[in-house]
Amino acid sequence: MRLGEVEGLRGELSEFVADVFGSLPRRDQQRWGGCYLRGLMLDGRRKSIQPMAERLPDGNMHALQQFVNQLPWDPLPAGTAADRRAIERSDRA
């Protein structure tokens, strides 16, 4: 997706991020989870931290690096929330 398309979904994504990353203890951690998700959605061959941070208007390589590599969080609640949302969406289709 192009940056404008991803930014246009920001409101919808914020609800998703709040649900999926809601188990993270701090708001800034949740924020960087959302930023990371938007970076993954953007066009571009490389989905590593530096290129994603450069493509995002609010990208911060250091903060994204910490979110991905150093944040001690349990991925199970995030995965469970994402699975639940996917099932809800497929039930509506």
PDB file of N, CA and C in Angstrom:
ATOM      1  N   MET A   1       0.837  -1.179   0.000  1.00  0.00           N
ATOM      2  CA  MET A   1       0.000   0.000   0.000  1.00  0.00           C
ATOM      3  C   MET A   1       0.882   1.243   0.000  1.00  0.00           C
ATOM      4  N   ARG A   2       0.347   2.289  -0.541  1.00  0.00           N
ATOM      5  CA  ARG A   2       1.050   3.568  -0.500  1.00  0.00           C
ATOM      6  C   ARG A   2       0.807   4.237   0.846  1.00  0.00           C
ATOM      7  N   LEU A   3       1.688   5.180   1.172  1.00  0.00           N
ATOM      8  CA  LEU A   3       1.612   5.862   2.457  1.00  0.00           C
ATOM      9  C   LEU A   3       0.249   6.509   2.675  1.00  0.00           C
ATOM     10  N   GLY A   4      -0.284   7.174   1.670  1.00  0.00           N
ATOM     11  CA  GLY A   4      -1.592   7.821   1.800  1.00  0.00           C
ATOM     12  C   GLY A   4      -2.703   6.831   2.122  1.00  0.00           C
ATOM     13  N   GLU A   5      -2.636   5.658   1.526  1.00  0.00           N
ATOM     14  CA  GLU A   5      -3.633   4.623   1.799  1.00  0.00           C
ATOM     15  C   GLU A   5      -3.528   4.127   3.238  1.00  0.00           C
ATOM     16  N   VAL A   6      -2.309   3.888   3.684  1.00  0.00           N
ATOM     17  CA  VAL A   6      -2.095   3.411   5.051  1.00  0.00           C
ATOM     18  C   VAL A   6      -2.527   4.481   6.049  1.00  0.00           C
ATOM     19  N   GLU A   7      -2.156   5.733   5.780  1.00  0.00           N
ATOM     20  CA  GLU A   7      -2.539   6.824   6.686  1.00  0.00           C
ATOM     21  C   GLU A   7      -4.056   6.998   6.708  1.00  0.00           C
ATOM     22  N   GLY A   8      -4.720   6.742   5.578  1.00  0.00           N
ATOM     23  CA  GLY A   8      -6.177   6.821   5.518  1.00  0.00           C
ATOM     24  C   GLY A   8      -6.862   5.777   6.386  1.00  0.00           C
ATOM     25  N   LEU A   9      -6.174   4.696   6.658  1.00  0.00           N
ATOM     26  CA  LEU A   9      -6.711   3.625   7.502  1.00  0.00           C
ATOM     27  C   LEU A   9      -6.333   3.796   8.975  1.00  0.00           C
ATOM     28  N   ARG A  10      -5.679   4.876   9.296  1.00  0.00           N
ATOM     29  CA  ARG A  10      -5.126   5.036  10.638  1.00  0.00           C
ATOM     30  C   ARG A  10      -6.185   4.914  11.738  1.00  0.00           C
ATOM     31  N   GLY A  11      -7.355   5.483  11.531  1.00  0.00           N
ATOM     32  CA  GLY A  11      -8.428   5.377  12.525  1.00  0.00           C
ATOM     33  C   GLY A  11      -8.862   3.940  12.737  1.00  0.00           C
ATOM     34  N   GLU A  12      -9.075   3.242  11.654  1.00  0.00           N
ATOM     35  CA  GLU A  12      -9.452   1.834  11.718  1.00  0.00           C
ATOM     36  C   GLU A  12      -8.334   1.004  12.352  1.00  0.00           C
ATOM     37  N   LEU A  13      -7.113   1.313  11.980  1.00  0.00           N
ATOM     38  CA  LEU A  13      -5.970   0.588  12.532  1.00  0.00           C
ATOM     39  C   LEU A  13      -5.794   0.846  14.024  1.00  0.00           C
ATOM     40  N   SER A  14      -6.134   2.051  14.480  1.00  0.00           N
ATOM     41  CA  SER A  14      -5.947   2.353  15.905  1.00  0.00           C
ATOM     42  C   SER A  14      -6.814   1.450  16.775  1.00  0.00           C
ATOM     43  N   GLU A  15      -8.009   1.128  16.307  1.00  0.00           N
ATOM     44  CA  GLU A  15      -8.877   0.193  17.037  1.00  0.00           C
ATOM     45  C   GLU A  15      -8.255  -1.204  17.058  1.00  0.00           C
ATOM     46  N   PHE A  16      -7.738  -1.624  15.920  1.00  0.00           N
ATOM     47  CA  PHE A  16      -7.073  -2.918  15.817  1.00  0.00           C
ATOM     48  C   PHE A  16      -5.846  -2.974  16.732  1.00  0.00           C
ATOM     49  N   VAL A  17      -5.028  -1.928  16.679  1.00  0.00           N
ATOM     50  CA  VAL A  17      -3.816  -1.857  17.500  1.00  0.00           C
ATOM     51  C   VAL A  17      -4.168  -1.879  18.976  1.00  0.00           C
ATOM     52  N   ALA A  18      -5.203  -1.147  19.370  1.00  0.00           N
ATOM     53  CA  ALA A  18      -5.612  -1.129  20.776  1.00  0.00           C
ATOM     54  C   ALA A  18      -6.017  -2.520  21.236  1.00  0.00           C
ATOM     55  N   ASP A  19      -6.667  -3.263  20.370  1.00  0.00           N
ATOM     56  CA  ASP A  19      -7.100  -4.610  20.717  1.00  0.00           C
ATOM     57  C   ASP A  19      -5.911  -5.577  20.734  1.00  0.00           C
ATOM     58  N   VAL A  20      -5.124  -5.573  19.670  1.00  0.00           N
ATOM     59  CA  VAL A  20      -4.042  -6.537  19.529  1.00  0.00           C
ATOM     60  C   VAL A  20      -2.884  -6.250  20.488  1.00  0.00           C
ATOM     61  N   PHE A  21      -2.525  -4.986  20.632  1.00  0.00           N
ATOM     62  CA  PHE A  21      -1.397  -4.643  21.491  1.00  0.00           C
ATOM     63  C   PHE A  21      -1.843  -4.105  22.848  1.00  0.00           C
ATOM     64  N   GLY A  22      -3.108  -4.275  23.187  1.00  0.00           N
ATOM     65  CA  GLY A  22      -3.633  -3.787  24.463  1.00  0.00           C
ATOM     66  C   GLY A  22      -3.010  -4.440  25.679  1.00  0.00           C
ATOM     67  N   SER A  23      -2.416  -5.599  25.496  1.00  0.00           N
ATOM     68  CA  SER A  23      -1.787  -6.285  26.626  1.00  0.00           C
ATOM     69  C   SER A  23      -0.421  -5.699  26.978  1.00  0.00           C
ATOM     70  N   LEU A  24       0.126  -4.855  26.103  1.00  0.00           N
ATOM     71  CA  LEU A  24       1.411  -4.227  26.412  1.00  0.00           C
ATOM     72  C   LEU A  24       1.210  -3.233  27.554  1.00  0.00           C
ATOM     73  N   PRO A  25       2.138  -3.178  28.485  1.00  0.00           N
ATOM     74  CA  PRO A  25       1.913  -2.388  29.697  1.00  0.00           C
ATOM     75  C   PRO A  25       1.938  -0.874  29.512  1.00  0.00           C
ATOM     76  N   ARG A  26       2.637  -0.379  28.502  1.00  0.00           N
ATOM     77  CA  ARG A  26       2.754   1.071  28.362  1.00  0.00           C
ATOM     78  C   ARG A  26       2.175   1.540  27.042  1.00  0.00           C
ATOM     79  N   ARG A  27       1.631   2.750  27.051  1.00  0.00           N
ATOM     80  CA  ARG A  27       1.037   3.331  25.844  1.00  0.00           C
ATOM     81  C   ARG A  27       2.060   3.528  24.720  1.00  0.00           C
ATOM     82  N   ASP A  28       3.274   3.912  25.065  1.00  0.00           N
ATOM     83  CA  ASP A  28       4.275   4.117  24.017  1.00  0.00           C
ATOM     84  C   ASP A  28       4.603   2.792  23.323  1.00  0.00           C
ATOM     85  N   GLN A  29       4.558   1.695  24.051  1.00  0.00           N
ATOM     86  CA  GLN A  29       4.795   0.390  23.438  1.00  0.00           C
ATOM     87  C   GLN A  29       3.666   0.064  22.462  1.00  0.00           C
ATOM     88  N   GLN A  30       2.443   0.371  22.857  1.00  0.00           N
ATOM     89  CA  GLN A  30       1.302   0.157  21.967  1.00  0.00           C
ATOM     90  C   GLN A  30       1.428   1.033  20.720  1.00  0.00           C
ATOM     91  N   ARG A  31       1.876   2.268  20.929  1.00  0.00           N
ATOM     92  CA  ARG A  31       2.047   3.192  19.803  1.00  0.00           C
ATOM     93  C   ARG A  31       3.056   2.644  18.795  1.00  0.00           C
ATOM     94  N   TRP A  32       4.192   2.126  19.281  1.00  0.00           N
ATOM     95  CA  TRP A  32       5.196   1.604  18.362  1.00  0.00           C
ATOM     96  C   TRP A  32       4.739   0.305  17.714  1.00  0.00           C
ATOM     97  N   GLY A  33       3.860  -0.424  18.378  1.00  0.00           N
ATOM     98  CA  GLY A  33       3.253  -1.587  17.732  1.00  0.00           C
ATOM     99  C   GLY A  33       2.438  -1.165  16.528  1.00  0.00           C
ATOM    100  N   GLY A  34       1.690  -0.083  16.669  1.00  0.00           N
ATOM    101  CA  GLY A  34       0.911   0.448  15.551  1.00  0.00           C
ATOM    102  C   GLY A  34       1.788   0.965  14.430  1.00  0.00           C
ATOM    103  N   CYS A  35       2.852   1.632  14.798  1.00  0.00           N
ATOM    104  CA  CYS A  35       3.796   2.151  13.805  1.00  0.00           C
ATOM    105  C   CYS A  35       4.429   0.985  13.039  1.00  0.00           C
ATOM    106  N   TYR A  36       4.822  -0.046  13.747  1.00  0.00           N
ATOM    107  CA  TYR A  36       5.410  -1.226  13.115  1.00  0.00           C
ATOM    108  C   TYR A  36       4.410  -1.877  12.155  1.00  0.00           C
ATOM    109  N   LEU A  37       3.173  -1.990  12.571  1.00  0.00           N
ATOM    110  CA  LEU A  37       2.143  -2.571  11.718  1.00  0.00           C
ATOM    111  C   LEU A  37       1.969  -1.752  10.445  1.00  0.00           C
ATOM    112  N   ARG A  38       1.901  -0.430  10.565  1.00  0.00           N
ATOM    113  CA  ARG A  38       1.777   0.417   9.379  1.00  0.00           C
ATOM    114  C   ARG A  38       2.993   0.261   8.470  1.00  0.00           C
ATOM    115  N   GLY A  39       4.178   0.128   9.061  1.00  0.00           N
ATOM    116  CA  GLY A  39       5.378  -0.076   8.262  1.00  0.00           C
ATOM    117  C   GLY A  39       5.330  -1.369   7.460  1.00  0.00           C
ATOM    118  N   LEU A  40       4.785  -2.404   8.063  1.00  0.00           N
ATOM    119  CA  LEU A  40       4.654  -3.684   7.351  1.00  0.00           C
ATOM    120  C   LEU A  40       3.669  -3.585   6.192  1.00  0.00           C
ATOM    121  N   MET A  41       2.677  -2.723   6.327  1.00  0.00           N
ATOM    122  CA  MET A  41       1.658  -2.589   5.290  1.00  0.00           C
ATOM    123  C   MET A  41       2.132  -1.775   4.089  1.00  0.00           C
ATOM    124  N   LEU A  42       3.152  -0.956   4.286  1.00  0.00           N
ATOM    125  CA  LEU A  42       3.620  -0.079   3.211  1.00  0.00           C
ATOM    126  C   LEU A  42       4.313  -0.851   2.095  1.00  0.00           C
ATOM    127  N   ASP A  43       4.202  -0.295   0.889  1.00  0.00           N
ATOM    128  CA  ASP A  43       4.962  -0.819  -0.239  1.00  0.00           C
ATOM    129  C   ASP A  43       6.444  -0.762   0.083  1.00  0.00           C
ATOM    130  N   GLY A  44       7.170  -1.637  -0.510  1.00  0.00           N
ATOM    131  CA  GLY A  44       8.621  -1.660  -0.332  1.00  0.00           C
ATOM    132  C   GLY A  44       9.088  -3.087  -0.159  1.00  0.00           C
ATOM    133  N   ARG A  45      10.176  -3.401  -0.811  1.00  0.00           N
ATOM    134  CA  ARG A  45      10.681  -4.770  -0.755  1.00  0.00           C
ATOM    135  C   ARG A  45      11.221  -5.122   0.612  1.00  0.00           C
ATOM    136  N   ARG A  46      11.918  -4.182   1.241  1.00  0.00           N
ATOM    137  CA  ARG A  46      12.552  -4.485   2.525  1.00  0.00           C
ATOM    138  C   ARG A  46      11.624  -4.128   3.671  1.00  0.00           C
ATOM    139  N   LYS A  47      11.343  -5.103   4.502  1.00  0.00           N
ATOM    140  CA  LYS A  47      10.482  -4.899   5.665  1.00  0.00           C
ATOM    141  C   LYS A  47      11.295  -4.899   6.950  1.00  0.00           C
ATOM    142  N   SER A  48      12.564  -4.556   6.838  1.00  0.00           N
ATOM    143  CA  SER A  48      13.382  -4.434   8.036  1.00  0.00           C
ATOM    144  C   SER A  48      13.155  -3.049   8.646  1.00  0.00           C
ATOM    145  N   ILE A  49      13.656  -2.869   9.853  1.00  0.00           N
ATOM    146  CA  ILE A  49      13.353  -1.684  10.649  1.00  0.00           C
ATOM    147  C   ILE A  49      13.753  -0.382   9.958  1.00  0.00           C
ATOM    148  N   GLN A  50      14.972  -0.269   9.497  1.00  0.00           N
ATOM    149  CA  GLN A  50      15.441   0.999   8.936  1.00  0.00           C
ATOM    150  C   GLN A  50      14.607   1.465   7.743  1.00  0.00           C
ATOM    151  N   PRO A  51      14.378   0.629   6.716  1.00  0.00           N
ATOM    152  CA  PRO A  51      13.566   1.103   5.591  1.00  0.00           C
ATOM    153  C   PRO A  51      12.135   1.451   5.995  1.00  0.00           C
ATOM    154  N   MET A  52      11.569   0.680   6.903  1.00  0.00           N
ATOM    155  CA  MET A  52      10.207   0.996   7.344  1.00  0.00           C
ATOM    156  C   MET A  52      10.181   2.335   8.074  1.00  0.00           C
ATOM    157  N   ALA A  53      11.129   2.560   8.956  1.00  0.00           N
ATOM    158  CA  ALA A  53      11.187   3.816   9.703  1.00  0.00           C
ATOM    159  C   ALA A  53      11.348   4.998   8.757  1.00  0.00           C
ATOM    160  N   GLU A  54      12.123   4.830   7.709  1.00  0.00           N
ATOM    161  CA  GLU A  54      12.336   5.901   6.738  1.00  0.00           C
ATOM    162  C   GLU A  54      11.084   6.189   5.919  1.00  0.00           C
ATOM    163  N   ARG A  55      10.245   5.194   5.702  1.00  0.00           N
ATOM    164  CA  ARG A  55       9.029   5.381   4.906  1.00  0.00           C
ATOM    165  C   ARG A  55       7.886   5.995   5.702  1.00  0.00           C
ATOM    166  N   LEU A  56       7.944   5.892   7.017  1.00  0.00           N
ATOM    167  CA  LEU A  56       6.857   6.389   7.865  1.00  0.00           C
ATOM    168  C   LEU A  56       7.121   7.819   8.324  1.00  0.00           C
ATOM    169  N   PRO A  57       6.106   8.691   8.276  1.00  0.00           N
ATOM    170  CA  PRO A  57       6.322  10.067   8.723  1.00  0.00           C
ATOM    171  C   PRO A  57       6.664  10.148  10.216  1.00  0.00           C
ATOM    172  N   ASP A  58       6.160   9.223  11.000  1.00  0.00           N
ATOM    173  CA  ASP A  58       6.464   9.217  12.436  1.00  0.00           C
ATOM    174  C   ASP A  58       7.399   8.067  12.797  1.00  0.00           C
ATOM    175  N   GLY A  59       8.096   7.547  11.798  1.00  0.00           N
ATOM    176  CA  GLY A  59       9.011   6.436  12.020  1.00  0.00           C
ATOM    177  C   GLY A  59      10.238   6.859  12.815  1.00  0.00           C
ATOM    178  N   ASN A  60      10.635   6.011  13.701  1.00  0.00           N
ATOM    179  CA  ASN A  60      11.817   6.243  14.521  1.00  0.00           C
ATOM    180  C   ASN A  60      12.539   4.903  14.595  1.00  0.00           C
ATOM    181  N   MET A  61      13.680   4.838  13.951  1.00  0.00           N
ATOM    182  CA  MET A  61      14.380   3.566  13.844  1.00  0.00           C
ATOM    183  C   MET A  61      14.700   2.973  15.213  1.00  0.00           C
ATOM    184  N   HIS A  62      15.174   3.789  16.121  1.00  0.00           N
ATOM    185  CA  HIS A  62      15.544   3.290  17.450  1.00  0.00           C
ATOM    186  C   HIS A  62      14.324   2.730  18.189  1.00  0.00           C
ATOM    187  N   ALA A  63      13.217   3.458  18.165  1.00  0.00           N
ATOM    188  CA  ALA A  63      12.009   3.011  18.870  1.00  0.00           C
ATOM    189  C   ALA A  63      11.448   1.730  18.256  1.00  0.00           C
ATOM    190  N   LEU A  64      11.437   1.649  16.929  1.00  0.00           N
ATOM    191  CA  LEU A  64      10.959   0.430  16.275  1.00  0.00           C
ATOM    192  C   LEU A  64      11.883  -0.749  16.565  1.00  0.00           C
ATOM    193  N   GLN A  65      13.175  -0.478  16.578  1.00  0.00           N
ATOM    194  CA  GLN A  65      14.151  -1.521  16.892  1.00  0.00           C
ATOM    195  C   GLN A  65      13.897  -2.069  18.292  1.00  0.00           C
ATOM    196  N   GLN A  66      13.661  -1.184  19.235  1.00  0.00           N
ATOM    197  CA  GLN A  66      13.376  -1.631  20.602  1.00  0.00           C
ATOM    198  C   GLN A  66      12.081  -2.425  20.661  1.00  0.00           C
ATOM    199  N   PHE A  67      11.065  -1.961  19.939  1.00  0.00           N
ATOM    200  CA  PHE A  67       9.785  -2.674  19.947  1.00  0.00           C
ATOM    201  C   PHE A  67       9.955  -4.105  19.432  1.00  0.00           C
ATOM    202  N   VAL A  68      10.659  -4.254  18.340  1.00  0.00           N
ATOM    203  CA  VAL A  68      10.794  -5.563  17.707  1.00  0.00           C
ATOM    204  C   VAL A  68      11.770  -6.471  18.456  1.00  0.00           C
ATOM    205  N   ASN A  69      12.903  -5.939  18.842  1.00  0.00           N
ATOM    206  CA  ASN A  69      13.976  -6.792  19.350  1.00  0.00           C
ATOM    207  C   ASN A  69      14.158  -6.813  20.855  1.00  0.00           C
ATOM    208  N   GLN A  70      13.728  -5.781  21.554  1.00  0.00           N
ATOM    209  CA  GLN A  70      14.091  -5.690  22.961  1.00  0.00           C
ATOM    210  C   GLN A  70      12.906  -5.629  23.918  1.00  0.00           C
ATOM    211  N   LEU A  71      11.727  -5.461  23.408  1.00  0.00           N
ATOM    212  CA  LEU A  71      10.567  -5.347  24.283  1.00  0.00           C
ATOM    213  C   LEU A  71      10.204  -6.717  24.840  1.00  0.00           C
ATOM    214  N   PRO A  72      10.234  -6.879  26.151  1.00  0.00           N
ATOM    215  CA  PRO A  72       9.885  -8.184  26.736  1.00  0.00           C
ATOM    216  C   PRO A  72       8.367  -8.326  26.847  1.00  0.00           C
ATOM    217  N   TRP A  73       7.737  -8.826  25.800  1.00  0.00           N
ATOM    218  CA  TRP A  73       6.291  -8.991  25.840  1.00  0.00           C
ATOM    219  C   TRP A  73       5.924 -10.385  25.351  1.00  0.00           C
ATOM    220  N   ASP A  74       4.811 -10.828  25.850  1.00  0.00           N
ATOM    221  CA  ASP A  74       4.301 -12.142  25.503  1.00  0.00           C
ATOM    222  C   ASP A  74       3.476 -12.014  24.220  1.00  0.00           C
ATOM    223  N   PRO A  75       3.854 -12.671  23.130  1.00  0.00           N
ATOM    224  CA  PRO A  75       3.103 -12.544  21.887  1.00  0.00           C
ATOM    225  C   PRO A  75       1.757 -13.262  21.899  1.00  0.00           C
ATOM    226  N   LEU A  76       1.512 -14.115  22.877  1.00  0.00           N
ATOM    227  CA  LEU A  76       0.272 -14.890  22.906  1.00  0.00           C
ATOM    228  C   LEU A  76      -0.984 -14.015  22.963  1.00  0.00           C
ATOM    229  N   PRO A  77      -1.089 -13.028  23.873  1.00  0.00           N
ATOM    230  CA  PRO A  77      -2.296 -12.195  23.874  1.00  0.00           C
ATOM    231  C   PRO A  77      -2.500 -11.445  22.556  1.00  0.00           C
ATOM    232  N   ALA A  78      -1.422 -10.948  21.960  1.00  0.00           N
ATOM    233  CA  ALA A  78      -1.541 -10.243  20.681  1.00  0.00           C
ATOM    234  C   ALA A  78      -2.021 -11.200  19.589  1.00  0.00           C
ATOM    235  N   GLY A  79      -1.448 -12.392  19.547  1.00  0.00           N
ATOM    236  CA  GLY A  79      -1.866 -13.370  18.555  1.00  0.00           C
ATOM    237  C   GLY A  79      -3.299 -13.812  18.739  1.00  0.00           C
ATOM    238  N   THR A  80      -3.705 -13.979  19.988  1.00  0.00           N
ATOM    239  CA  THR A  80      -5.081 -14.373  20.288  1.00  0.00           C
ATOM    240  C   THR A  80      -6.058 -13.291  19.836  1.00  0.00           C
ATOM    241  N   ALA A  81      -5.722 -12.035  20.120  1.00  0.00           N
ATOM    242  CA  ALA A  81      -6.595 -10.924  19.715  1.00  0.00           C
ATOM    243  C   ALA A  81      -6.673 -10.833  18.191  1.00  0.00           C
ATOM    244  N   ALA A  82      -5.554 -10.988  17.516  1.00  0.00           N
ATOM    245  CA  ALA A  82      -5.548 -10.941  16.057  1.00  0.00           C
ATOM    246  C   ALA A  82      -6.359 -12.097  15.475  1.00  0.00           C
ATOM    247  N   ASP A  83      -6.211 -13.276  16.036  1.00  0.00           N
ATOM    248  CA  ASP A  83      -6.989 -14.432  15.585  1.00  0.00           C
ATOM    249  C   ASP A  83      -8.480 -14.190  15.765  1.00  0.00           C
ATOM    250  N   ARG A  84      -8.854 -13.664  16.930  1.00  0.00           N
ATOM    251  CA  ARG A  84     -10.267 -13.402  17.216  1.00  0.00           C
ATOM    252  C   ARG A  84     -10.848 -12.410  16.197  1.00  0.00           C
ATOM    253  N   ARG A  85     -10.101 -11.365  15.901  1.00  0.00           N
ATOM    254  CA  ARG A  85     -10.578 -10.366  14.941  1.00  0.00           C
ATOM    255  C   ARG A  85     -10.712 -10.970  13.546  1.00  0.00           C
ATOM    256  N   ALA A  86      -9.778 -11.819  13.151  1.00  0.00           N
ATOM    257  CA  ALA A  86      -9.847 -12.461  11.843  1.00  0.00           C
ATOM    258  C   ALA A  86     -11.073 -13.363  11.742  1.00  0.00           C
ATOM    259  N   ILE A  87     -11.363 -14.085  12.798  1.00  0.00           N
ATOM    260  CA  ILE A  87     -12.540 -14.964  12.815  1.00  0.00           C
ATOM    261  C   ILE A  87     -13.822 -14.131  12.744  1.00  0.00           C
ATOM    262  N   GLU A  88     -13.859 -13.034  13.485  1.00  0.00           N
ATOM    263  CA  GLU A  88     -15.039 -12.152  13.437  1.00  0.00           C
ATOM    264  C   GLU A  88     -15.266 -11.625  12.024  1.00  0.00           C
ATOM    265  N   ARG A  89     -14.191 -11.223  11.361  1.00  0.00           N
ATOM    266  CA  ARG A  89     -14.297 -10.707   9.992  1.00  0.00           C
ATOM    267  C   ARG A  89     -14.771 -11.796   9.028  1.00  0.00           C
ATOM    268  N   SER A  90     -14.249 -13.006   9.166  1.00  0.00           N
ATOM    269  CA  SER A  90     -14.635 -14.077   8.248  1.00  0.00           C
ATOM    270  C   SER A  90     -16.080 -14.494   8.475  1.00  0.00           C
ATOM    271  N   ASP A  91     -16.570 -14.381   9.717  1.00  0.00           N
ATOM    272  CA  ASP A  91     -17.974 -14.704  10.001  1.00  0.00           C
ATOM    273  C   ASP A  91     -18.915 -13.711   9.337  1.00  0.00           C
ATOM    274  N   ARG A  92     -18.469 -12.465   9.160  1.00  0.00           N
ATOM    275  CA  ARG A  92     -19.305 -11.430   8.528  1.00  0.00           C
ATOM    276  C   ARG A  92     -19.351 -11.581   7.009  1.00  0.00           C
ATOM    277  N   ALA A  93     -18.340 -12.239   6.447  1.00  0.00           N
ATOM    278  CA  ALA A  93     -18.243 -12.347   4.976  1.00  0.00           C
ATOM    279  C   ALA A  93     -19.190 -13.373   4.416  1.00  0.00           C
TER     280      ALA A  93
END
